[in-house]
Amino acid sequence: MKGPAFKTELATAYPDCRLVVTKETSTVEGMIKIVYDLLKDKLNIAKITFTSGVNAASAEFVTKNDIDRCPLCGVALNEEGVCPKCGYRKKK
C-alpha cells in the first residue's frame, strides 16, 4: 500500500520509493512538528502526544472551534457534558 505524495517545509514523501525525507530530526518532538504541519489544515488538533520507548513528548495547540473537553484526558465531551473515555461530568 502506498500513501499519497506530499511536500511540505518539513517533509517530502516519495511513495514509489516508500521514502519520507525530513528536515526535522526523528525524535518524538520532531514527529509532533511534522504531523501537526501535515494535518493542521485538515483536522482541528488540540493536543498531540508521541511516545517511543522511554521517550515521550506532548504539545497542545490553539484550536479553531470552541469544543468542551475533559480536563483529565482531553477527549471532547458529549451532549450531556460527560467524557466518553473516563466518565468525567462537567459541572453546571
PDB file of N, CA and C in Angstrom:
ATOM      1  N   MET A   1       0.845  -1.183   0.000  1.00  0.00           N
ATOM      2  CA  MET A   1       0.000   0.000   0.000  1.00  0.00           C
ATOM      3  C   MET A   1       0.884   1.237   0.000  1.00  0.00           C
ATOM      4  N   LYS A   2       0.550   2.159  -0.858  1.00  0.00           N
ATOM      5  CA  LYS A   2       1.297   3.403  -0.927  1.00  0.00           C
ATOM      6  C   LYS A   2       0.378   4.553  -0.542  1.00  0.00           C
ATOM      7  N   GLY A   3       0.921   5.499   0.222  1.00  0.00           N
ATOM      8  CA  GLY A   3       0.187   6.696   0.580  1.00  0.00           C
ATOM      9  C   GLY A   3       0.383   7.761  -0.484  1.00  0.00           C
ATOM     10  N   PRO A   4      -0.242   8.915  -0.291  1.00  0.00           N
ATOM     11  CA  PRO A   4      -0.104   9.994  -1.275  1.00  0.00           C
ATOM     12  C   PRO A   4       1.252  10.682  -1.147  1.00  0.00           C
ATOM     13  N   ALA A   5       1.707  11.236  -2.233  1.00  0.00           N
ATOM     14  CA  ALA A   5       2.932  12.039  -2.216  1.00  0.00           C
ATOM     15  C   ALA A   5       2.600  13.405  -1.629  1.00  0.00           C
ATOM     16  N   PHE A   6       3.524  13.963  -0.873  1.00  0.00           N
ATOM     17  CA  PHE A   6       3.325  15.310  -0.346  1.00  0.00           C
ATOM     18  C   PHE A   6       4.660  16.001  -0.208  1.00  0.00           C
ATOM     19  N   LYS A   7       4.609  17.315  -0.175  1.00  0.00           N
ATOM     20  CA  LYS A   7       5.812  18.123   0.009  1.00  0.00           C
ATOM     21  C   LYS A   7       5.453  19.300   0.895  1.00  0.00           C
ATOM     22  N   THR A   8       6.078  19.373   2.039  1.00  0.00           N
ATOM     23  CA  THR A   8       5.903  20.498   2.948  1.00  0.00           C
ATOM     24  C   THR A   8       7.275  21.054   3.277  1.00  0.00           C
ATOM     25  N   GLU A   9       7.291  22.080   4.102  1.00  0.00           N
ATOM     26  CA  GLU A   9       8.558  22.685   4.506  1.00  0.00           C
ATOM     27  C   GLU A   9       9.405  21.704   5.325  1.00  0.00           C
ATOM     28  N   LEU A  10       8.754  20.828   6.087  1.00  0.00           N
ATOM     29  CA  LEU A  10       9.479  19.927   6.984  1.00  0.00           C
ATOM     30  C   LEU A  10       9.685  18.517   6.436  1.00  0.00           C
ATOM     31  N   ALA A  11       8.868  18.070   5.480  1.00  0.00           N
ATOM     32  CA  ALA A  11       8.979  16.692   4.993  1.00  0.00           C
ATOM     33  C   ALA A  11       8.501  16.578   3.553  1.00  0.00           C
ATOM     34  N   THR A  12       9.082  15.609   2.845  1.00  0.00           N
ATOM     35  CA  THR A  12       8.685  15.291   1.476  1.00  0.00           C
ATOM     36  C   THR A  12       8.539  13.774   1.375  1.00  0.00           C
ATOM     37  N   ALA A  13       7.420  13.307   0.811  1.00  0.00           N
ATOM     38  CA  ALA A  13       7.184  11.877   0.677  1.00  0.00           C
ATOM     39  C   ALA A  13       7.326  11.454  -0.776  1.00  0.00           C
ATOM     40  N   TYR A  14       8.013  10.337  -0.969  1.00  0.00           N
ATOM     41  CA  TYR A  14       8.169   9.710  -2.269  1.00  0.00           C
ATOM     42  C   TYR A  14       7.562   8.310  -2.166  1.00  0.00           C
ATOM     43  N   PRO A  15       6.241   8.165  -2.421  1.00  0.00           N
ATOM     44  CA  PRO A  15       5.587   6.877  -2.188  1.00  0.00           C
ATOM     45  C   PRO A  15       6.076   5.753  -3.100  1.00  0.00           C
ATOM     46  N   ASP A  16       6.522   6.047  -4.303  1.00  0.00           N
ATOM     47  CA  ASP A  16       7.021   4.998  -5.187  1.00  0.00           C
ATOM     48  C   ASP A  16       8.283   4.345  -4.624  1.00  0.00           C
ATOM     49  N   CYS A  17       9.056   5.120  -3.877  1.00  0.00           N
ATOM     50  CA  CYS A  17      10.278   4.602  -3.251  1.00  0.00           C
ATOM     51  C   CYS A  17      10.043   4.191  -1.801  1.00  0.00           C
ATOM     52  N   ARG A  18       8.813   4.431  -1.297  1.00  0.00           N
ATOM     53  CA  ARG A  18       8.481   4.179   0.119  1.00  0.00           C
ATOM     54  C   ARG A  18       9.452   4.907   1.035  1.00  0.00           C
ATOM     55  N   LEU A  19       9.615   6.214   0.775  1.00  0.00           N
ATOM     56  CA  LEU A  19      10.600   7.026   1.475  1.00  0.00           C
ATOM     57  C   LEU A  19       9.992   8.361   1.863  1.00  0.00           C
ATOM     58  N   VAL A  20      10.299   8.819   3.065  1.00  0.00           N
ATOM     59  CA  VAL A  20       9.944  10.160   3.510  1.00  0.00           C
ATOM     60  C   VAL A  20      11.220  10.827   3.985  1.00  0.00           C
ATOM     61  N   VAL A  21      11.541  11.971   3.394  1.00  0.00           N
ATOM     62  CA  VAL A  21      12.727  12.724   3.765  1.00  0.00           C
ATOM     63  C   VAL A  21      12.281  13.891   4.636  1.00  0.00           C
ATOM     64  N   THR A  22      12.910  14.032   5.812  1.00  0.00           N
ATOM     65  CA  THR A  22      12.516  15.091   6.743  1.00  0.00           C
ATOM     66  C   THR A  22      13.668  16.042   6.987  1.00  0.00           C
ATOM     67  N   LYS A  23      13.341  17.290   7.279  1.00  0.00           N
ATOM     68  CA  LYS A  23      14.338  18.272   7.683  1.00  0.00           C
ATOM     69  C   LYS A  23      14.445  18.340   9.203  1.00  0.00           C
ATOM     70  N   GLU A  24      13.506  17.683   9.867  1.00  0.00           N
ATOM     71  CA  GLU A  24      13.454  17.658  11.329  1.00  0.00           C
ATOM     72  C   GLU A  24      14.050  16.323  11.792  1.00  0.00           C
ATOM     73  N   THR A  25      14.665  16.312  12.966  1.00  0.00           N
ATOM     74  CA  THR A  25      15.208  15.061  13.495  1.00  0.00           C
ATOM     75  C   THR A  25      14.069  14.111  13.841  1.00  0.00           C
ATOM     76  N   SER A  26      14.333  12.827  13.816  1.00  0.00           N
ATOM     77  CA  SER A  26      13.299  11.815  14.069  1.00  0.00           C
ATOM     78  C   SER A  26      13.154  11.531  15.559  1.00  0.00           C
ATOM     79  N   THR A  27      12.939  12.566  16.324  1.00  0.00           N
ATOM     80  CA  THR A  27      12.649  12.428  17.742  1.00  0.00           C
ATOM     81  C   THR A  27      11.141  12.586  17.931  1.00  0.00           C
ATOM     82  N   VAL A  28      10.653  12.334  19.140  1.00  0.00           N
ATOM     83  CA  VAL A  28       9.220  12.499  19.369  1.00  0.00           C
ATOM     84  C   VAL A  28       8.813  13.956  19.179  1.00  0.00           C
ATOM     85  N   GLU A  29       9.677  14.887  19.550  1.00  0.00           N
ATOM     86  CA  GLU A  29       9.378  16.306  19.342  1.00  0.00           C
ATOM     87  C   GLU A  29       9.321  16.644  17.858  1.00  0.00           C
ATOM     88  N   GLY A  30      10.261  16.094  17.084  1.00  0.00           N
ATOM     89  CA  GLY A  30      10.281  16.320  15.646  1.00  0.00           C
ATOM     90  C   GLY A  30       9.068  15.725  14.958  1.00  0.00           C
ATOM     91  N   MET A  31       8.632  14.557  15.410  1.00  0.00           N
ATOM     92  CA  MET A  31       7.450  13.930  14.821  1.00  0.00           C
ATOM     93  C   MET A  31       6.194  14.753  15.096  1.00  0.00           C
ATOM     94  N   ILE A  32       6.109  15.355  16.264  1.00  0.00           N
ATOM     95  CA  ILE A  32       4.970  16.222  16.573  1.00  0.00           C
ATOM     96  C   ILE A  32       4.932  17.391  15.602  1.00  0.00           C
ATOM     97  N   LYS A  33       6.084  18.015  15.353  1.00  0.00           N
ATOM     98  CA  LYS A  33       6.139  19.151  14.423  1.00  0.00           C
ATOM     99  C   LYS A  33       5.710  18.729  13.016  1.00  0.00           C
ATOM    100  N   ILE A  34       6.207  17.590  12.560  1.00  0.00           N
ATOM    101  CA  ILE A  34       5.900  17.129  11.205  1.00  0.00           C
ATOM    102  C   ILE A  34       4.420  16.785  11.063  1.00  0.00           C
ATOM    103  N   VAL A  35       3.876  16.030  12.004  1.00  0.00           N
ATOM    104  CA  VAL A  35       2.467  15.618  11.926  1.00  0.00           C
ATOM    105  C   VAL A  35       1.546  16.823  12.036  1.00  0.00           C
ATOM    106  N   TYR A  36       1.846  17.760  12.942  1.00  0.00           N
ATOM    107  CA  TYR A  36       0.998  18.947  13.058  1.00  0.00           C
ATOM    108  C   TYR A  36       1.042  19.761  11.772  1.00  0.00           C
ATOM    109  N   ASP A  37       2.219  19.907  11.180  1.00  0.00           N
ATOM    110  CA  ASP A  37       2.343  20.662   9.937  1.00  0.00           C
ATOM    111  C   ASP A  37       1.521  20.022   8.817  1.00  0.00           C
ATOM    112  N   LEU A  38       1.471  18.688   8.786  1.00  0.00           N
ATOM    113  CA  LEU A  38       0.711  17.989   7.747  1.00  0.00           C
ATOM    114  C   LEU A  38      -0.797  18.078   7.951  1.00  0.00           C
ATOM    115  N   LEU A  39      -1.253  18.027   9.195  1.00  0.00           N
ATOM    116  CA  LEU A  39      -2.688  17.878   9.466  1.00  0.00           C
ATOM    117  C   LEU A  39      -3.381  19.115  10.006  1.00  0.00           C
ATOM    118  N   LYS A  40      -2.671  20.207  10.238  1.00  0.00           N
ATOM    119  CA  LYS A  40      -3.286  21.373  10.874  1.00  0.00           C
ATOM    120  C   LYS A  40      -4.428  21.974  10.063  1.00  0.00           C
ATOM    121  N   ASP A  41      -4.379  21.869   8.745  1.00  0.00           N
ATOM    122  CA  ASP A  41      -5.449  22.429   7.915  1.00  0.00           C
ATOM    123  C   ASP A  41      -6.617  21.462   7.737  1.00  0.00           C
ATOM    124  N   LYS A  42      -6.385  20.172   7.953  1.00  0.00           N
ATOM    125  CA  LYS A  42      -7.420  19.166   7.741  1.00  0.00           C
ATOM    126  C   LYS A  42      -8.167  18.818   9.019  1.00  0.00           C
ATOM    127  N   LEU A  43      -7.496  18.893  10.169  1.00  0.00           N
ATOM    128  CA  LEU A  43      -8.098  18.500  11.439  1.00  0.00           C
ATOM    129  C   LEU A  43      -7.996  19.633  12.449  1.00  0.00           C
ATOM    130  N   ASN A  44      -8.895  19.650  13.394  1.00  0.00           N
ATOM    131  CA  ASN A  44      -8.877  20.624  14.479  1.00  0.00           C
ATOM    132  C   ASN A  44      -8.089  20.004  15.641  1.00  0.00           C
ATOM    133  N   ILE A  45      -6.766  20.082  15.579  1.00  0.00           N
ATOM    134  CA  ILE A  45      -5.891  19.406  16.530  1.00  0.00           C
ATOM    135  C   ILE A  45      -5.741  20.244  17.789  1.00  0.00           C
ATOM    136  N   ALA A  46      -6.072  19.644  18.935  1.00  0.00           N
ATOM    137  CA  ALA A  46      -5.916  20.312  20.225  1.00  0.00           C
ATOM    138  C   ALA A  46      -4.663  19.845  20.947  1.00  0.00           C
ATOM    139  N   LYS A  47      -4.325  18.558  20.800  1.00  0.00           N
ATOM    140  CA  LYS A  47      -3.181  18.006  21.513  1.00  0.00           C
ATOM    141  C   LYS A  47      -2.643  16.804  20.753  1.00  0.00           C
ATOM    142  N   ILE A  48      -1.303  16.699  20.697  1.00  0.00           N
ATOM    143  CA  ILE A  48      -0.641  15.547  20.098  1.00  0.00           C
ATOM    144  C   ILE A  48       0.344  15.002  21.122  1.00  0.00           C
ATOM    145  N   THR A  49       0.350  13.683  21.282  1.00  0.00           N
ATOM    146  CA  THR A  49       1.309  13.020  22.163  1.00  0.00           C
ATOM    147  C   THR A  49       1.967  11.887  21.403  1.00  0.00           C
ATOM    148  N   PHE A  50       3.298  11.832  21.433  1.00  0.00           N
ATOM    149  CA  PHE A  50       4.049  10.748  20.831  1.00  0.00           C
ATOM    150  C   PHE A  50       4.887  10.082  21.908  1.00  0.00           C
ATOM    151  N   THR A  51       4.995   8.756  21.834  1.00  0.00           N
ATOM    152  CA  THR A  51       5.894   8.013  22.706  1.00  0.00           C
ATOM    153  C   THR A  51       6.717   7.065  21.848  1.00  0.00           C
ATOM    154  N   SER A  52       7.961   6.884  22.253  1.00  0.00           N
ATOM    155  CA  SER A  52       8.857   5.963  21.567  1.00  0.00           C
ATOM    156  C   SER A  52       9.792   5.388  22.618  1.00  0.00           C
ATOM    157  N   GLY A  53       9.539   4.157  23.003  1.00  0.00           N
ATOM    158  CA  GLY A  53      10.340   3.567  24.077  1.00  0.00           C
ATOM    159  C   GLY A  53      10.107   4.325  25.368  1.00  0.00           C
ATOM    160  N   VAL A  54      11.174   4.857  25.955  1.00  0.00           N
ATOM    161  CA  VAL A  54      11.043   5.624  27.192  1.00  0.00           C
ATOM    162  C   VAL A  54      10.890   7.117  26.932  1.00  0.00           C
ATOM    163  N   ASN A  55      10.998   7.537  25.673  1.00  0.00           N
ATOM    164  CA  ASN A  55      10.858   8.954  25.331  1.00  0.00           C
ATOM    165  C   ASN A  55       9.399   9.281  25.067  1.00  0.00           C
ATOM    166  N   ALA A  56       8.967  10.446  25.538  1.00  0.00           N
ATOM    167  CA  ALA A  56       7.598  10.899  25.305  1.00  0.00           C
ATOM    168  C   ALA A  56       7.597  12.409  25.172  1.00  0.00           C
ATOM    169  N   ALA A  57       6.691  12.901  24.344  1.00  0.00           N
ATOM    170  CA  ALA A  57       6.528  14.342  24.180  1.00  0.00           C
ATOM    171  C   ALA A  57       5.063  14.626  23.882  1.00  0.00           C
ATOM    172  N   SER A  58       4.616  15.784  24.328  1.00  0.00           N
ATOM    173  CA  SER A  58       3.241  16.191  24.121  1.00  0.00           C
ATOM    174  C   SER A  58       3.219  17.681  23.822  1.00  0.00           C
ATOM    175  N   ALA A  59       2.292  18.089  22.974  1.00  0.00           N
ATOM    176  CA  ALA A  59       2.156  19.502  22.637  1.00  0.00           C
ATOM    177  C   ALA A  59       0.679  19.835  22.500  1.00  0.00           C
ATOM    178  N   GLU A  60       0.295  21.001  23.038  1.00  0.00           N
ATOM    179  CA  GLU A  60      -1.075  21.482  22.909  1.00  0.00           C
ATOM    180  C   GLU A  60      -1.098  22.652  21.947  1.00  0.00           C
ATOM    181  N   PHE A  61      -2.196  22.766  21.196  1.00  0.00           N
ATOM    182  CA  PHE A  61      -2.313  23.786  20.170  1.00  0.00           C
ATOM    183  C   PHE A  61      -3.617  24.554  20.342  1.00  0.00           C
ATOM    184  N   VAL A  62      -3.643  25.782  19.856  1.00  0.00           N
ATOM    185  CA  VAL A  62      -4.852  26.597  19.868  1.00  0.00           C
ATOM    186  C   VAL A  62      -5.778  26.055  18.785  1.00  0.00           C
ATOM    187  N   THR A  63      -7.035  25.810  19.145  1.00  0.00           N
ATOM    188  CA  THR A  63      -7.981  25.235  18.194  1.00  0.00           C
ATOM    189  C   THR A  63      -8.851  26.321  17.572  1.00  0.00           C
ATOM    190  N   LYS A  64      -9.436  25.987  16.431  1.00  0.00           N
ATOM    191  CA  LYS A  64     -10.308  26.928  15.724  1.00  0.00           C
ATOM    192  C   LYS A  64     -11.707  26.936  16.314  1.00  0.00           C
ATOM    193  N   ASN A  65     -12.147  25.783  16.820  1.00  0.00           N
ATOM    194  CA  ASN A  65     -13.503  25.656  17.356  1.00  0.00           C
ATOM    195  C   ASN A  65     -13.479  25.758  18.878  1.00  0.00           C
ATOM    196  N   ASP A  66     -14.628  26.056  19.450  1.00  0.00           N
ATOM    197  CA  ASP A  66     -14.755  26.076  20.900  1.00  0.00           C
ATOM    198  C   ASP A  66     -15.447  24.786  21.323  1.00  0.00           C
ATOM    199  N   ILE A  67     -14.652  23.772  21.638  1.00  0.00           N
ATOM    200  CA  ILE A  67     -15.167  22.456  22.000  1.00  0.00           C
ATOM    201  C   ILE A  67     -14.900  22.222  23.473  1.00  0.00           C
ATOM    202  N   ASP A  68     -15.946  21.808  24.221  1.00  0.00           N
ATOM    203  CA  ASP A  68     -15.750  21.450  25.620  1.00  0.00           C
ATOM    204  C   ASP A  68     -14.968  20.148  25.683  1.00  0.00           C
ATOM    205  N   ARG A  69     -13.856  20.168  26.434  1.00  0.00           N
ATOM    206  CA  ARG A  69     -13.010  18.988  26.545  1.00  0.00           C
ATOM    207  C   ARG A  69     -12.846  18.589  27.997  1.00  0.00           C
ATOM    208  N   CYS A  70     -12.613  17.320  28.214  1.00  0.00           N
ATOM    209  CA  CYS A  70     -12.376  16.777  29.545  1.00  0.00           C
ATOM    210  C   CYS A  70     -11.039  17.303  30.064  1.00  0.00           C
ATOM    211  N   PRO A  71     -10.990  17.874  31.272  1.00  0.00           N
ATOM    212  CA  PRO A  71      -9.724  18.369  31.799  1.00  0.00           C
ATOM    213  C   PRO A  71      -8.773  17.241  32.203  1.00  0.00           C
ATOM    214  N   LEU A  72      -9.281  16.022  32.326  1.00  0.00           N
ATOM    215  CA  LEU A  72      -8.449  14.894  32.741  1.00  0.00           C
ATOM    216  C   LEU A  72      -7.742  14.218  31.566  1.00  0.00           C
ATOM    217  N   CYS A  73      -8.489  14.000  30.460  1.00  0.00           N
ATOM    218  CA  CYS A  73      -7.889  13.252  29.352  1.00  0.00           C
ATOM    219  C   CYS A  73      -7.934  13.979  28.014  1.00  0.00           C
ATOM    220  N   GLY A  74      -8.630  15.107  27.892  1.00  0.00           N
ATOM    221  CA  GLY A  74      -8.626  15.898  26.675  1.00  0.00           C
ATOM    222  C   GLY A  74      -9.622  15.476  25.610  1.00  0.00           C
ATOM    223  N   VAL A  75     -10.437  14.464  25.871  1.00  0.00           N
ATOM    224  CA  VAL A  75     -11.432  13.993  24.908  1.00  0.00           C
ATOM    225  C   VAL A  75     -12.625  14.947  24.912  1.00  0.00           C
ATOM    226  N   ALA A  76     -13.238  15.152  23.748  1.00  0.00           N
ATOM    227  CA  ALA A  76     -14.404  16.034  23.642  1.00  0.00           C
ATOM    228  C   ALA A  76     -15.571  15.455  24.440  1.00  0.00           C
ATOM    229  N   LEU A  77     -16.254  16.324  25.195  1.00  0.00           N
ATOM    230  CA  LEU A  77     -17.407  15.898  25.974  1.00  0.00           C
ATOM    231  C   LEU A  77     -18.614  15.715  25.055  1.00  0.00           C
ATOM    232  N   ASN A  78     -19.508  14.794  25.411  1.00  0.00           N
ATOM    233  CA  ASN A  78     -20.708  14.581  24.597  1.00  0.00           C
ATOM    234  C   ASN A  78     -21.763  15.635  24.913  1.00  0.00           C
ATOM    235  N   GLU A  79     -22.974  15.490  24.373  1.00  0.00           N
ATOM    236  CA  GLU A  79     -24.031  16.494  24.525  1.00  0.00           C
ATOM    237  C   GLU A  79     -24.449  16.701  25.979  1.00  0.00           C
ATOM    238  N   GLU A  80     -24.322  15.655  26.793  1.00  0.00           N
ATOM    239  CA  GLU A  80     -24.704  15.758  28.210  1.00  0.00           C
ATOM    240  C   GLU A  80     -23.570  16.293  29.076  1.00  0.00           C
ATOM    241  N   GLY A  81     -22.420  16.597  28.500  1.00  0.00           N
ATOM    242  CA  GLY A  81     -21.280  17.103  29.257  1.00  0.00           C
ATOM    243  C   GLY A  81     -20.504  16.014  29.973  1.00  0.00           C
ATOM    244  N   VAL A  82     -20.541  14.785  29.427  1.00  0.00           N
ATOM    245  CA  VAL A  82     -19.856  13.647  30.038  1.00  0.00           C
ATOM    246  C   VAL A  82     -18.744  13.181  29.102  1.00  0.00           C
ATOM    247  N   CYS A  83     -17.592  12.859  29.684  1.00  0.00           N
ATOM    248  CA  CYS A  83     -16.471  12.345  28.904  1.00  0.00           C
ATOM    249  C   CYS A  83     -16.713  10.868  28.591  1.00  0.00           C
ATOM    250  N   PRO A  84     -16.705  10.488  27.299  1.00  0.00           N
ATOM    251  CA  PRO A  84     -16.943   9.086  26.951  1.00  0.00           C
ATOM    252  C   PRO A  84     -15.787   8.163  27.330  1.00  0.00           C
ATOM    253  N   LYS A  85     -14.617   8.737  27.607  1.00  0.00           N
ATOM    254  CA  LYS A  85     -13.448   7.909  27.919  1.00  0.00           C
ATOM    255  C   LYS A  85     -13.341   7.603  29.410  1.00  0.00           C
ATOM    256  N   CYS A  86     -13.419   8.662  30.255  1.00  0.00           N
ATOM    257  CA  CYS A  86     -13.171   8.450  31.684  1.00  0.00           C
ATOM    258  C   CYS A  86     -14.395   8.685  32.554  1.00  0.00           C
ATOM    259  N   GLY A  87     -15.485   9.217  31.990  1.00  0.00           N
ATOM    260  CA  GLY A  87     -16.708   9.411  32.769  1.00  0.00           C
ATOM    261  C   GLY A  87     -16.795  10.735  33.500  1.00  0.00           C
ATOM    262  N   TYR A  88     -15.839  11.647  33.282  1.00  0.00           N
ATOM    263  CA  TYR A  88     -15.881  12.963  33.925  1.00  0.00           C
ATOM    264  C   TYR A  88     -17.175  13.690  33.544  1.00  0.00           C
ATOM    265  N   ARG A  89     -17.806  14.363  34.520  1.00  0.00           N
ATOM    266  CA  ARG A  89     -19.017  15.142  34.263  1.00  0.00           C
ATOM    267  C   ARG A  89     -18.712  16.625  34.467  1.00  0.00           C
ATOM    268  N   LYS A  90     -19.122  17.410  33.482  1.00  0.00           N
ATOM    269  CA  LYS A  90     -18.951  18.859  33.572  1.00  0.00           C
ATOM    270  C   LYS A  90     -19.933  19.429  34.571  1.00  0.00           C
ATOM    271  N   LYS A  91     -19.426  20.309  35.442  1.00  0.00           N
ATOM    272  CA  LYS A  91     -20.306  20.932  36.433  1.00  0.00           C
ATOM    273  C   LYS A  91     -21.156  21.986  35.767  1.00  0.00           C
ATOM    274  N   LYS A  92     -22.398  22.070  36.185  1.00  0.00           N
ATOM    275  CA  LYS A  92     -23.339  23.016  35.573  1.00  0.00           C
ATOM    276  C   LYS A  92     -23.239  24.383  36.175  1.00  0.00           C
TER     277      LYS A  92
END
